[in-house]
Protein backbone atom coordinates (compact mmCIF):
# COMPACT_ATOMS: atom_id res chain seq x y z
CA MET A 1 -45.10 2.26 75.99
CA ASP A 2 -44.92 5.59 74.18
CA ARG A 3 -45.58 8.79 76.14
CA GLY A 4 -49.10 9.52 74.47
CA ARG A 5 -50.34 5.96 75.54
CA LEU A 6 -48.81 6.28 79.01
CA GLU A 7 -50.65 9.61 79.50
CA LYS A 8 -54.02 8.06 78.21
CA ARG A 9 -53.59 5.20 80.72
CA LYS A 10 -52.88 7.56 83.59
CA ARG A 11 -55.86 9.64 82.76
CA ARG A 12 -58.16 6.41 82.65
CA GLU A 13 -56.81 5.23 85.82
CA GLY A 14 -57.43 8.54 87.35
CA LEU A 15 -60.90 8.39 86.41
CA GLY A 16 -61.38 4.86 87.83
CA LEU A 17 -61.99 3.29 84.46
CA ALA A 18 -58.72 1.31 84.42
CA LYS A 19 -60.49 -1.66 86.05
CA GLU A 20 -62.03 -2.76 82.82
CA LYS A 21 -59.63 -4.63 80.66
CA ALA A 22 -60.26 -5.93 77.02
CA CYS A 23 -59.23 -9.36 75.93
CA ARG A 24 -56.77 -9.19 72.99
CA ASN A 25 -58.18 -12.40 71.55
CA CYS A 26 -61.90 -11.83 71.53
CA ARG A 27 -62.10 -8.12 72.49
CA PHE A 28 -64.57 -8.96 75.36
CA ILE A 29 -64.37 -6.25 78.17
CA SER A 30 -64.26 -7.57 81.71
CA MET A 31 -63.00 -6.68 85.15
CA GLY A 32 -60.94 -9.76 85.99
CA ASN A 33 -57.51 -11.16 85.09
CA ILE A 34 -59.05 -13.96 82.87
CA CYS A 35 -61.49 -13.30 79.96
CA PRO A 36 -64.83 -14.97 80.98
CA ASN A 37 -65.60 -15.35 77.23
CA CYS A 38 -62.58 -17.22 75.78
CA LYS A 39 -60.67 -17.84 79.08
CA SER A 40 -57.42 -16.07 77.83
CA THR A 41 -55.15 -14.12 80.15
CA ASN A 42 -54.05 -11.95 77.28
CA LEU A 43 -55.89 -8.72 78.55
CA SER A 44 -55.17 -5.09 78.02
CA TYR A 45 -55.91 -1.78 79.74
CA ASP A 46 -55.25 -0.06 76.47
CA TRP A 47 -58.53 -0.35 74.40
CA SER A 48 -60.95 2.00 72.75
CA GLY A 49 -64.42 2.09 71.39
CA LEU A 50 -67.27 0.10 72.89
CA ILE A 51 -69.93 -2.23 71.43
CA VAL A 52 -72.69 -3.61 73.69
CA ILE A 53 -74.05 -6.87 72.22
CA ILE A 54 -77.49 -8.08 73.58
CA ASP A 55 -78.21 -10.90 71.38
CA PRO A 56 -75.10 -12.06 69.30
CA GLU A 57 -77.08 -14.52 67.19
CA LYS A 58 -79.37 -11.72 65.78
CA SER A 59 -77.04 -8.82 65.86
CA GLU A 60 -75.26 -8.13 62.51
CA ILE A 61 -72.40 -6.19 64.41
CA GLY A 62 -72.24 -9.18 66.79
CA LYS A 63 -71.81 -11.68 63.74
CA LYS A 64 -69.16 -9.18 62.15
CA ILE A 65 -67.06 -9.21 65.24
CA ASP A 66 -67.61 -12.97 65.97
CA ALA A 67 -69.30 -12.25 69.31
CA LYS A 68 -70.20 -15.65 70.99
CA SER A 69 -71.92 -14.17 74.05
CA SER A 70 -73.71 -11.00 75.24
CA GLY A 71 -71.59 -8.27 76.76
CA LYS A 72 -69.38 -5.39 76.07
CA TYR A 73 -66.75 -5.53 73.43
CA ALA A 74 -63.91 -3.29 72.58
CA ILE A 75 -63.52 -2.00 68.97
CA ARG A 76 -59.81 -1.64 69.22
CA VAL A 77 -57.38 -3.35 71.68
CA ARG A 78 -53.61 -2.60 71.72
């Protein structure tokens, strides 16, 4: 992990935001170690941007990111 990313992670942890992880497969943001959306364990603390999908079937952005359920999604996951 490069120094910039490490510093960003430290700042996020210091703010108490590090508990939320984004799934690298579907970008769903959750608090646990398993994605409740796709059941993957491939999660990352290193994500940016936030999209909140209320109704994925009616949401144009939800369709664009292939959201299957309502919730919070990361725009970028590293």
